[in-house]
Structures are given as structure tokens and as C-alpha cells.
Amino acid sequence: MPPIDASGDTAAGPGPHLVRGAEDTLDLRLTDDVAALIAERGPVAGEAAGAAGDASRPDGARASTLLDSPAGWGAAGTSLGVFQLVPVRPERDLTLISRWMNDPAVAAFWELAGPEAVTAGHLRTQLRGDGRSAPCLGVLDGVPMSYWELYRADLDPLARHYPARPHDTGLHLLIGGVADRGRGVGTTLLRAVSDLVLDHRPHCGRVVAEPDLRNTPSVSAFLSAGFRFAAEIDLPGKRAALMIRERALRDRL
């Protein structure tokens, strides 16, 4: 496997038809498992980039018991600095995320290049769902520098393509700034975020991901972050590497 480079640290996004939203999830009865929305976290220092709007309005991530409320997980210390997941608020964050999506290195895998309306539609699908997916900014030392989607893989169309277990948690990511690519940032943050999942989701035994097999540096980043290569799987729009980080092995890999 080649060393991690800029493309590997840039994007491990969903296939074009695996958009996490209410209309594209498994038909399961979840009424008893959905909690009320929690209050949106306030802006983190340095989050100036974003569309103008009423920042006090809780239009950000729907935090529910399905993902054990990522908004409340707090910060993680890493070798790069203090890292935190902050739920997306479109009125604050749309311009920044759209700019990242229009980077050719990102667009090749996320396929969301174009006007802000394209990214807005994707975020709207995430945020108007029932809590099975949570879009977040990755904020490092107060500066937003990555975009993440945490999702319930066992309740997602992905579960049709591998032997899912209850509470499997999936993730997608992109590293936004060119200066943050090609120096192991992706590996460090993948380990940090998967640790956050395992620390705050006690019923989750595995964190999973499905990067495009063509993005071998991204696959290498997952391997370096403690994930194992489990299988090749055919998903709509891509052939993917199923990557799994297991709670039982988190201290060994």
C-alpha cells in the first residue's frame, strides 16, 4: 500500500447514490429509538467561514439516541492539537463546505461540485432525517478544517452489502485545506474520531467505512488508523474497501 498522500488525506466520501437521508435508509421501525433534538452547540472560536444567517437557530445536526448525541462528545487531544466534532449549521457552514466540495481532489469522490445549492441539498438530506446520520465540522485548535458524516451503518443501505451488527457506526470524511493534506492528518483524525465513537457509543462494537478502492492512499490512511481491510464490496457508483475498526482490537492496532 502506498504511503498516505494528499489524495488519501482529502476524501473518503460516500458513493453518489449512498446519500444518508430519510428517503434512502432501511425501512425499519424506529419510533421508540428516536430522542428529542438537543440544543445546538454554540460556534467554536475560529468558525468564521460560513453563510450568513441566524446562528442561534438550531438548524444543525439532529442529535438523537441513534448516534448518542455527537454534539456532546467534547474535545479530543491529538498530536496535531485539540480536535472536536461540531454539528453542521448550514447558515454558518454552507459556504465553507461548498468550497471544499469544489476542490477537484474532493469532487472526484464526493461528486458534489457545483453551486452552493448542490451542497445545500446534500446537507438538507442529512439534517432532515431521523438522526441516523450526523454531519459535522472537524475543528482543530479552533479552526474548521474537515467535514465528517457519522451514520448508523446497521440502519443504512450499506447494511445490505456486508454482515452488519447492531450499532455499527460508519463514517465519511474530507480534509478541507490543502495545507492539512499529505502529512498524516487523515490518519490521526480517523483514529481520534473512531476513538470518540467507541468512547461515547457503548453499544457500538465496530466503526466501519467504505472508501473507494481507487483511492488507495485513503485506504492506507484507514489501515494506519487501526482499521482492518475486511472485504471488497460493490456499492452504487463504486467498488469499495470495507474497513472495520473493532472495539476489541482498538488497543492492538
C-alpha atoms as a PDB file:
ATOM      1  CA  MET A   1       0.000   0.000   0.000  1.00  0.00           C
ATOM      2  CA  PRO A   2       1.488   3.380  -0.950  1.00  0.00           C
ATOM      3  CA  PRO A   3       2.143   5.975   1.719  1.00  0.00           C
ATOM      4  CA  ILE A   4      -0.556   8.479   2.589  1.00  0.00           C
ATOM      5  CA  ASP A   5      -0.540  11.440   0.243  1.00  0.00           C
ATOM      6  CA  ALA A   6      -2.727  14.430  -0.497  1.00  0.00           C
ATOM      7  CA  SER A   7      -5.494  12.441  -2.133  1.00  0.00           C
ATOM      8  CA  GLY A   8      -5.626   9.976   0.719  1.00  0.00           C
ATOM      9  CA  ASP A   9      -5.907  12.753   3.267  1.00  0.00           C
ATOM     10  CA  THR A  10      -8.528  14.565   1.223  1.00  0.00           C
ATOM     11  CA  ALA A  11     -11.633  12.478   0.805  1.00  0.00           C
ATOM     12  CA  ALA A  12     -13.264   9.218   1.785  1.00  0.00           C
ATOM     13  CA  GLY A  13     -16.750  10.098   0.721  1.00  0.00           C
ATOM     14  CA  PRO A  14     -19.966   8.244   0.028  1.00  0.00           C
ATOM     15  CA  GLY A  15     -20.858   6.776  -3.315  1.00  0.00           C
ATOM     16  CA  PRO A  16     -23.131   9.039  -5.340  1.00  0.00           C
ATOM     17  CA  HIS A  17     -26.243   7.050  -4.501  1.00  0.00           C
ATOM     18  CA  LEU A  18     -25.452   6.254  -0.871  1.00  0.00           C
ATOM     19  CA  VAL A  19     -26.682   9.585   0.482  1.00  0.00           C
ATOM     20  CA  ARG A  20     -27.612   9.300   4.128  1.00  0.00           C
ATOM     21  CA  GLY A  21     -31.163  10.504   4.464  1.00  0.00           C
ATOM     22  CA  ALA A  22     -34.673   9.556   5.397  1.00  0.00           C
ATOM     23  CA  GLU A  23     -35.628   8.533   1.870  1.00  0.00           C
ATOM     24  CA  ASP A  24     -32.593   6.279   1.392  1.00  0.00           C
ATOM     25  CA  THR A  25     -32.386   4.249   4.572  1.00  0.00           C
ATOM     26  CA  LEU A  26     -33.622   0.824   5.546  1.00  0.00           C
ATOM     27  CA  ASP A  27     -37.338   0.616   6.229  1.00  0.00           C
ATOM     28  CA  LEU A  28     -37.191  -0.052   9.964  1.00  0.00           C
ATOM     29  CA  ARG A  29     -39.490   0.967  12.816  1.00  0.00           C
ATOM     30  CA  LEU A  30     -37.519   3.392  14.938  1.00  0.00           C
ATOM     31  CA  THR A  31     -40.131   5.420  16.787  1.00  0.00           C
ATOM     32  CA  ASP A  32     -39.093   4.234  20.241  1.00  0.00           C
ATOM     33  CA  ASP A  33     -35.392   4.804  19.460  1.00  0.00           C
ATOM     34  CA  VAL A  34     -35.535   8.449  18.381  1.00  0.00           C
ATOM     35  CA  ALA A  35     -34.953  11.098  21.044  1.00  0.00           C
ATOM     36  CA  ALA A  36     -35.823  14.751  21.041  1.00  0.00           C
ATOM     37  CA  LEU A  37     -33.448  17.203  19.449  1.00  0.00           C
ATOM     38  CA  ILE A  38     -30.816  18.610  21.740  1.00  0.00           C
ATOM     39  CA  ALA A  39     -29.770  22.231  21.792  1.00  0.00           C
ATOM     40  CA  GLU A  40     -27.237  23.191  19.172  1.00  0.00           C
ATOM     41  CA  ARG A  41     -23.713  23.877  20.409  1.00  0.00           C
ATOM     42  CA  GLY A  42     -22.542  27.437  20.033  1.00  0.00           C
ATOM     43  CA  PRO A  43     -19.911  28.334  17.428  1.00  0.00           C
ATOM     44  CA  VAL A  44     -16.336  27.315  18.173  1.00  0.00           C
ATOM     45  CA  ALA A  45     -13.730  30.052  18.073  1.00  0.00           C
ATOM     46  CA  GLY A  46     -12.371  30.408  14.574  1.00  0.00           C
ATOM     47  CA  GLU A  47     -15.505  29.205  12.767  1.00  0.00           C
ATOM     48  CA  ALA A  48     -15.884  32.447  10.876  1.00  0.00           C
ATOM     49  CA  ALA A  49     -16.245  30.823   7.456  1.00  0.00           C
ATOM     50  CA  GLY A  50     -19.840  30.074   6.506  1.00  0.00           C
ATOM     51  CA  ALA A  51     -23.016  31.513   5.097  1.00  0.00           C
ATOM     52  CA  ALA A  52     -24.661  34.403   6.901  1.00  0.00           C
ATOM     53  CA  GLY A  53     -27.741  33.674   8.990  1.00  0.00           C
ATOM     54  CA  ASP A  54     -29.199  33.448  12.463  1.00  0.00           C
ATOM     55  CA  ALA A  55     -26.565  31.407  14.283  1.00  0.00           C
ATOM     56  CA  SER A  56     -28.830  30.938  17.289  1.00  0.00           C
ATOM     57  CA  ARG A  57     -31.357  28.880  15.335  1.00  0.00           C
ATOM     58  CA  PRO A  58     -30.887  25.109  15.916  1.00  0.00           C
ATOM     59  CA  ASP A  59     -30.948  24.052  12.258  1.00  0.00           C
ATOM     60  CA  GLY A  60     -27.779  21.949  12.696  1.00  0.00           C
ATOM     61  CA  ALA A  61     -27.422  18.245  13.256  1.00  0.00           C
ATOM     62  CA  ARG A  62     -30.307  16.275  14.691  1.00  0.00           C
ATOM     63  CA  ALA A  63     -28.673  14.647  17.710  1.00  0.00           C
ATOM     64  CA  SER A  64     -30.551  11.537  18.813  1.00  0.00           C
ATOM     65  CA  THR A  65     -30.082   8.358  20.721  1.00  0.00           C
ATOM     66  CA  LEU A  66     -29.390   6.681  17.380  1.00  0.00           C
ATOM     67  CA  LEU A  67     -25.880   8.167  17.480  1.00  0.00           C
ATOM     68  CA  ASP A  68     -25.649   9.047  21.171  1.00  0.00           C
ATOM     69  CA  SER A  69     -25.520  12.803  20.561  1.00  0.00           C
ATOM     70  CA  PRO A  70     -22.124  13.588  18.965  1.00  0.00           C
ATOM     71  CA  ALA A  71     -22.617  17.267  19.858  1.00  0.00           C
ATOM     72  CA  GLY A  72     -21.892  16.428  23.461  1.00  0.00           C
ATOM     73  CA  TRP A  73     -18.815  14.268  22.996  1.00  0.00           C
ATOM     74  CA  GLY A  74     -16.363  17.060  23.746  1.00  0.00           C
ATOM     75  CA  ALA A  75     -12.808  17.531  22.520  1.00  0.00           C
ATOM     76  CA  ALA A  76     -10.032  15.014  21.957  1.00  0.00           C
ATOM     77  CA  GLY A  77      -6.340  15.692  22.365  1.00  0.00           C
ATOM     78  CA  THR A  78      -4.224  14.596  19.391  1.00  0.00           C
ATOM     79  CA  SER A  79      -0.628  15.006  18.285  1.00  0.00           C
ATOM     80  CA  LEU A  80      -1.882  17.768  15.974  1.00  0.00           C
ATOM     81  CA  GLY A  81      -3.815  19.720  18.587  1.00  0.00           C
ATOM     82  CA  VAL A  82      -7.255  19.722  20.184  1.00  0.00           C
ATOM     83  CA  PHE A  83      -9.901  18.253  17.889  1.00  0.00           C
ATOM     84  CA  GLN A  84     -13.690  18.445  18.177  1.00  0.00           C
ATOM     85  CA  LEU A  85     -16.705  17.458  16.124  1.00  0.00           C
ATOM     86  CA  VAL A  86     -19.189  20.342  15.826  1.00  0.00           C
ATOM     87  CA  PRO A  87     -22.630  19.694  14.267  1.00  0.00           C
ATOM     88  CA  VAL A  88     -23.108  21.467  10.942  1.00  0.00           C
ATOM     89  CA  ARG A  89     -25.356  24.537  10.777  1.00  0.00           C
ATOM     90  CA  PRO A  90     -25.958  25.407   7.118  1.00  0.00           C
ATOM     91  CA  GLU A  91     -26.465  29.119   7.736  1.00  0.00           C
ATOM     92  CA  ARG A  92     -22.989  29.238   9.232  1.00  0.00           C
ATOM     93  CA  ASP A  93     -21.102  26.497   7.384  1.00  0.00           C
ATOM     94  CA  LEU A  94     -22.540  26.100   3.873  1.00  0.00           C
ATOM     95  CA  THR A  95     -20.108  28.396   2.058  1.00  0.00           C
ATOM     96  CA  LEU A  96     -17.089  26.697   3.602  1.00  0.00           C
ATOM     97  CA  ILE A  97     -18.273  23.142   2.952  1.00  0.00           C
ATOM     98  CA  SER A  98     -19.312  24.005  -0.612  1.00  0.00           C
ATOM     99  CA  ARG A  99     -15.858  25.421  -1.282  1.00  0.00           C
ATOM    100  CA  TRP A 100     -14.304  22.169  -0.093  1.00  0.00           C
ATOM    101  CA  MET A 101     -16.679  20.132  -2.269  1.00  0.00           C
ATOM    102  CA  ASN A 102     -15.495  22.088  -5.318  1.00  0.00           C
ATOM    103  CA  ASP A 103     -11.859  21.134  -4.775  1.00  0.00           C
ATOM    104  CA  PRO A 104     -11.121  18.687  -7.642  1.00  0.00           C
ATOM    105  CA  ALA A 105      -9.428  16.228  -5.271  1.00  0.00           C
ATOM    106  CA  VAL A 106     -12.602  16.115  -3.170  1.00  0.00           C
ATOM    107  CA  ALA A 107     -15.093  16.279  -6.038  1.00  0.00           C
ATOM    108  CA  ALA A 108     -13.601  13.162  -7.621  1.00  0.00           C
ATOM    109  CA  PHE A 109     -15.022  11.063  -4.777  1.00  0.00           C
ATOM    110  CA  TRP A 110     -17.881  13.092  -3.274  1.00  0.00           C
ATOM    111  CA  GLU A 111     -19.360  14.240  -6.619  1.00  0.00           C
ATOM    112  CA  LEU A 112     -20.904  17.352  -5.056  1.00  0.00           C
ATOM    113  CA  ALA A 113     -19.116  20.050  -7.054  1.00  0.00           C
ATOM    114  CA  GLY A 114     -21.183  22.952  -8.347  1.00  0.00           C
ATOM    115  CA  PRO A 115     -23.077  25.901  -6.861  1.00  0.00           C
ATOM    116  CA  GLU A 116     -23.816  26.083  -3.144  1.00  0.00           C
ATOM    117  CA  ALA A 117     -27.289  24.702  -3.819  1.00  0.00           C
ATOM    118  CA  VAL A 118     -25.743  21.291  -4.568  1.00  0.00           C
ATOM    119  CA  THR A 119     -24.055  21.084  -1.181  1.00  0.00           C
ATOM    120  CA  ALA A 120     -27.117  22.608   0.488  1.00  0.00           C
ATOM    121  CA  GLY A 121     -29.286  19.817  -0.900  1.00  0.00           C
ATOM    122  CA  HIS A 122     -26.903  17.178   0.411  1.00  0.00           C
ATOM    123  CA  LEU A 123     -26.807  18.742   3.872  1.00  0.00           C
ATOM    124  CA  ARG A 124     -30.569  19.165   3.908  1.00  0.00           C
ATOM    125  CA  THR A 125     -30.993  15.431   3.316  1.00  0.00           C
ATOM    126  CA  GLN A 126     -28.676  14.723   6.232  1.00  0.00           C
ATOM    127  CA  LEU A 127     -30.253  17.181   8.633  1.00  0.00           C
ATOM    128  CA  ARG A 128     -33.901  16.461   7.901  1.00  0.00           C
ATOM    129  CA  GLY A 129     -33.519  12.739   8.508  1.00  0.00           C
ATOM    130  CA  ASP A 130     -34.402  10.931  11.707  1.00  0.00           C
ATOM    131  CA  GLY A 131     -30.954  11.070  13.291  1.00  0.00           C
ATOM    132  CA  ARG A 132     -29.331   8.102  11.553  1.00  0.00           C
ATOM    133  CA  SER A 133     -26.703  10.470  10.133  1.00  0.00           C
ATOM    134  CA  ALA A 134     -24.919  13.418  11.711  1.00  0.00           C
ATOM    135  CA  PRO A 135     -22.911  15.857   9.544  1.00  0.00           C
ATOM    136  CA  CYS A 136     -20.179  17.628  11.488  1.00  0.00           C
ATOM    137  CA  LEU A 137     -17.298  20.022  11.027  1.00  0.00           C
ATOM    138  CA  GLY A 138     -13.955  18.820  12.292  1.00  0.00           C
ATOM    139  CA  VAL A 139     -12.435  21.701  14.255  1.00  0.00           C
ATOM    140  CA  LEU A 140      -8.714  21.569  15.070  1.00  0.00           C
ATOM    141  CA  ASP A 141      -7.398  24.094  17.588  1.00  0.00           C
ATOM    142  CA  GLY A 142     -10.466  26.242  16.953  1.00  0.00           C
ATOM    143  CA  VAL A 143     -10.250  26.173  13.151  1.00  0.00           C
ATOM    144  CA  PRO A 144     -12.742  24.198  10.996  1.00  0.00           C
ATOM    145  CA  MET A 145     -10.634  22.062   8.650  1.00  0.00           C
ATOM    146  CA  SER A 146     -12.590  18.910   7.792  1.00  0.00           C
ATOM    147  CA  TYR A 147     -16.101  17.612   7.160  1.00  0.00           C
ATOM    148  CA  TRP A 148     -17.430  14.376   8.673  1.00  0.00           C
ATOM    149  CA  GLU A 149     -20.570  12.287   8.416  1.00  0.00           C
ATOM    150  CA  LEU A 150     -21.251   9.805  11.187  1.00  0.00           C
ATOM    151  CA  TYR A 151     -24.056   7.365  10.459  1.00  0.00           C
ATOM    152  CA  ARG A 152     -25.703   4.216  11.747  1.00  0.00           C
ATOM    153  CA  ALA A 153     -24.290   1.701   9.292  1.00  0.00           C
ATOM    154  CA  ASP A 154     -26.628  -1.020  10.539  1.00  0.00           C
ATOM    155  CA  LEU A 155     -29.647   1.133   9.591  1.00  0.00           C
ATOM    156  CA  ASP A 156     -28.191   2.288   6.283  1.00  0.00           C
ATOM    157  CA  PRO A 157     -28.345   0.784   2.767  1.00  0.00           C
ATOM    158  CA  LEU A 158     -24.715  -0.226   3.368  1.00  0.00           C
ATOM    159  CA  ALA A 159     -26.054  -2.956   5.682  1.00  0.00           C
ATOM    160  CA  ARG A 160     -27.317  -4.819   2.606  1.00  0.00           C
ATOM    161  CA  HIS A 161     -23.743  -5.240   1.421  1.00  0.00           C
ATOM    162  CA  TYR A 162     -21.959  -6.648   4.471  1.00  0.00           C
ATOM    163  CA  PRO A 163     -22.841  -8.643   7.630  1.00  0.00           C
ATOM    164  CA  ALA A 164     -23.803  -5.640   9.757  1.00  0.00           C
ATOM    165  CA  ARG A 165     -24.063  -5.808  13.522  1.00  0.00           C
ATOM    166  CA  PRO A 166     -26.357  -3.708  15.729  1.00  0.00           C
ATOM    167  CA  HIS A 167     -24.978  -0.215  16.376  1.00  0.00           C
ATOM    168  CA  ASP A 168     -22.215  -0.409  13.744  1.00  0.00           C
ATOM    169  CA  THR A 169     -21.204   3.215  13.180  1.00  0.00           C
ATOM    170  CA  GLY A 170     -19.979   4.411   9.793  1.00  0.00           C
ATOM    171  CA  LEU A 171     -18.043   7.488   8.846  1.00  0.00           C
ATOM    172  CA  HIS A 172     -17.175   9.607   5.830  1.00  0.00           C
ATOM    173  CA  LEU A 173     -14.670  12.423   5.825  1.00  0.00           C
ATOM    174  CA  LEU A 174     -12.877  15.005   3.772  1.00  0.00           C
ATOM    175  CA  ILE A 175      -9.908  17.165   4.701  1.00  0.00           C
ATOM    176  CA  GLY A 176     -10.666  20.670   3.515  1.00  0.00           C
ATOM    177  CA  GLY A 177      -7.404  22.589   3.375  1.00  0.00           C
ATOM    178  CA  VAL A 178      -4.532  21.696   1.072  1.00  0.00           C
ATOM    179  CA  ALA A 179      -2.085  22.574   3.861  1.00  0.00           C
ATOM    180  CA  ASP A 180      -3.632  19.819   6.010  1.00  0.00           C
ATOM    181  CA  ARG A 181      -3.103  17.106   3.402  1.00  0.00           C
ATOM    182  CA  GLY A 182      -0.251  14.740   2.797  1.00  0.00           C
ATOM    183  CA  ARG A 183       1.264  14.800   6.285  1.00  0.00           C
ATOM    184  CA  GLY A 184      -0.668  12.120   8.128  1.00  0.00           C
ATOM    185  CA  VAL A 185      -3.527  14.353   9.256  1.00  0.00           C
ATOM    186  CA  GLY A 186      -6.142  11.944   7.928  1.00  0.00           C
ATOM    187  CA  THR A 187      -4.689   9.016   9.842  1.00  0.00           C
ATOM    188  CA  THR A 188      -4.506  10.974  13.107  1.00  0.00           C
ATOM    189  CA  LEU A 189      -8.064  12.255  12.833  1.00  0.00           C
ATOM    190  CA  LEU A 190      -9.513   8.916  11.745  1.00  0.00           C
ATOM    191  CA  ARG A 191      -8.107   7.351  14.883  1.00  0.00           C
ATOM    192  CA  ALA A 192      -9.333  10.258  17.025  1.00  0.00           C
ATOM    193  CA  VAL A 193     -12.882  10.180  15.631  1.00  0.00           C
ATOM    194  CA  SER A 194     -13.189   6.402  15.790  1.00  0.00           C
ATOM    195  CA  ASP A 195     -11.963   6.599  19.403  1.00  0.00           C
ATOM    196  CA  LEU A 196     -14.635   9.214  20.127  1.00  0.00           C
ATOM    197  CA  VAL A 197     -17.272   6.892  18.669  1.00  0.00           C
ATOM    198  CA  LEU A 198     -16.120   3.930  20.736  1.00  0.00           C
ATOM    199  CA  ASP A 199     -15.775   6.035  23.892  1.00  0.00           C
ATOM    200  CA  HIS A 200     -19.238   7.600  23.660  1.00  0.00           C
ATOM    201  CA  ARG A 201     -21.276   4.851  21.996  1.00  0.00           C
ATOM    202  CA  PRO A 202     -21.048   1.973  24.484  1.00  0.00           C
ATOM    203  CA  HIS A 203     -23.257  -0.331  22.406  1.00  0.00           C
ATOM    204  CA  CYS A 204     -21.129   0.154  19.279  1.00  0.00           C
ATOM    205  CA  GLY A 205     -18.576  -2.600  18.806  1.00  0.00           C
ATOM    206  CA  ARG A 206     -17.254  -1.502  15.411  1.00  0.00           C
ATOM    207  CA  VAL A 207     -16.584   1.601  13.367  1.00  0.00           C
ATOM    208  CA  VAL A 208     -16.835   0.985   9.627  1.00  0.00           C
ATOM    209  CA  ALA A 209     -16.023   2.859   6.431  1.00  0.00           C
ATOM    210  CA  GLU A 210     -16.234   2.193   2.696  1.00  0.00           C
ATOM    211  CA  PRO A 211     -13.663   4.296   0.801  1.00  0.00           C
ATOM    212  CA  ASP A 212     -13.421   3.913  -2.941  1.00  0.00           C
ATOM    213  CA  LEU A 213     -10.920   1.198  -3.839  1.00  0.00           C
ATOM    214  CA  ARG A 214      -9.366   3.548  -6.391  1.00  0.00           C
ATOM    215  CA  ASN A 215      -8.321   5.837  -3.565  1.00  0.00           C
ATOM    216  CA  THR A 216      -5.540   3.594  -2.294  1.00  0.00           C
ATOM    217  CA  PRO A 217      -3.917   6.350  -0.178  1.00  0.00           C
ATOM    218  CA  SER A 218      -7.240   6.752   1.647  1.00  0.00           C
ATOM    219  CA  VAL A 219      -7.380   3.012   2.286  1.00  0.00           C
ATOM    220  CA  SER A 220      -3.811   3.246   3.586  1.00  0.00           C
ATOM    221  CA  ALA A 221      -4.842   6.046   5.963  1.00  0.00           C
ATOM    222  CA  PHE A 222      -7.585   3.851   7.416  1.00  0.00           C
ATOM    223  CA  LEU A 223      -5.136   0.975   7.866  1.00  0.00           C
ATOM    224  CA  SER A 224      -2.677   3.252   9.644  1.00  0.00           C
ATOM    225  CA  ALA A 225      -5.508   4.447  11.913  1.00  0.00           C
ATOM    226  CA  GLY A 226      -6.229   0.946  13.225  1.00  0.00           C
ATOM    227  CA  PHE A 227      -8.853  -0.205  10.735  1.00  0.00           C
ATOM    228  CA  ARG A 228      -8.549  -3.578   9.002  1.00  0.00           C
ATOM    229  CA  PHE A 229      -9.431  -4.370   5.416  1.00  0.00           C
ATOM    230  CA  ALA A 230     -12.437  -6.711   5.626  1.00  0.00           C
ATOM    231  CA  ALA A 231     -13.668  -7.111   2.042  1.00  0.00           C
ATOM    232  CA  GLU A 232     -14.253  -5.572  -1.349  1.00  0.00           C
ATOM    233  CA  ILE A 233     -17.909  -4.629  -1.806  1.00  0.00           C
ATOM    234  CA  ASP A 234     -19.906  -3.350  -4.764  1.00  0.00           C
ATOM    235  CA  LEU A 235     -21.906  -0.234  -3.901  1.00  0.00           C
ATOM    236  CA  PRO A 236     -23.954   2.002  -6.197  1.00  0.00           C
ATOM    237  CA  GLY A 237     -21.425   4.040  -8.128  1.00  0.00           C
ATOM    238  CA  LYS A 238     -18.241   2.481  -6.766  1.00  0.00           C
ATOM    239  CA  ARG A 239     -16.356  -0.599  -5.719  1.00  0.00           C
ATOM    240  CA  ALA A 240     -15.353  -0.031  -2.124  1.00  0.00           C
ATOM    241  CA  ALA A 241     -12.965  -1.312   0.500  1.00  0.00           C
ATOM    242  CA  LEU A 242     -14.869  -2.279   3.632  1.00  0.00           C
ATOM    243  CA  MET A 243     -12.734  -1.035   6.509  1.00  0.00           C
ATOM    244  CA  ILE A 244     -13.519  -2.002  10.102  1.00  0.00           C
ATOM    245  CA  ARG A 245     -12.084  -0.879  13.434  1.00  0.00           C
ATOM    246  CA  GLU A 246     -13.209  -3.176  16.215  1.00  0.00           C
ATOM    247  CA  ARG A 247     -13.525  -2.210  19.849  1.00  0.00           C
ATOM    248  CA  ALA A 248     -11.855  -5.457  20.906  1.00  0.00           C
ATOM    249  CA  LEU A 249      -8.742  -4.625  18.858  1.00  0.00           C
ATOM    250  CA  ARG A 250      -8.570  -0.857  19.328  1.00  0.00           C
ATOM    251  CA  ASP A 251      -5.536  -1.021  21.608  1.00  0.00           C
ATOM    252  CA  ARG A 252      -3.696  -3.539  19.423  1.00  0.00           C
ATOM    253  CA  LEU A 253      -3.864  -1.877  16.009  1.00  0.00           C
END
